[in-house]
Amino acid sequence: MPKIKLVNSDVVYLSKKSEELEAYIEWKATPSGERVPPSQRQLAPVLGVTERTLSQWNRDPRVIAKISKRVLSQPLVDALPDIISSLIEIASDPSHPRAVAASKSYFELLSAQSAEVEVTDLGDMSQAELMEHVAELYDEVAERGSKTKQA
C-alpha cells in the first residue's frame, strides 16, 4: 500500500525505491575518499539497483539539488550546537545589544525544526477520500508557501 508524508511542504512518496535513493544521496554527499563502498559500481548491488539507475539518479536535477543541499548544509549542522549555545547566551543577556535579534533568531530556528510529519495509508481510501486528502495537502503547501513569502 503506498504511503505518503508531508515534510516541510514536500510530498514524499514512501517506497523501497525512495529508501534506496535516499541512501544514494547520502553516499553521494559523502566526500569521495570516505565513501563506503568507494565506487558506484560497488554501490549498485548494495542498494539492489542497477548501475544504470545510479547513472540516471546522477543526472536527475532533483537528485543533484538534494545532494547539493545536503553537502552545503552539513557544515551548518556540524556547527549548530555552538550556534544555538551562542544564541541562547546572547538572548539571555538583556544588556547585550543583539539580545532581541538573538532571541528572534532562536525562536525562528525552533519553529523551523518543529515541522509536522504525517504518514497516511492511502490503500483503504476511496477515490473521493483520496481527492479530499490531496486537496488538503495542496492547501497546506499553499498556506506554508504564503507564510514563507510574508516572512
Foldseek 3Di string as FASTA:
>chain_A
DWKWKADLLDIGIDDLVVVLLVVLLVQLLDPLVPHVVNDLCVVQVVSVHHSVVSVVLVPDPVSVVSSVVCNVCVVVVVCVVVLLVVLCVLLVDPPRPCNVVSVVVNVVVVVSVPTDMDMDDCPPDDPVRVVVVVVVSVVVSVVSVVVVVVD
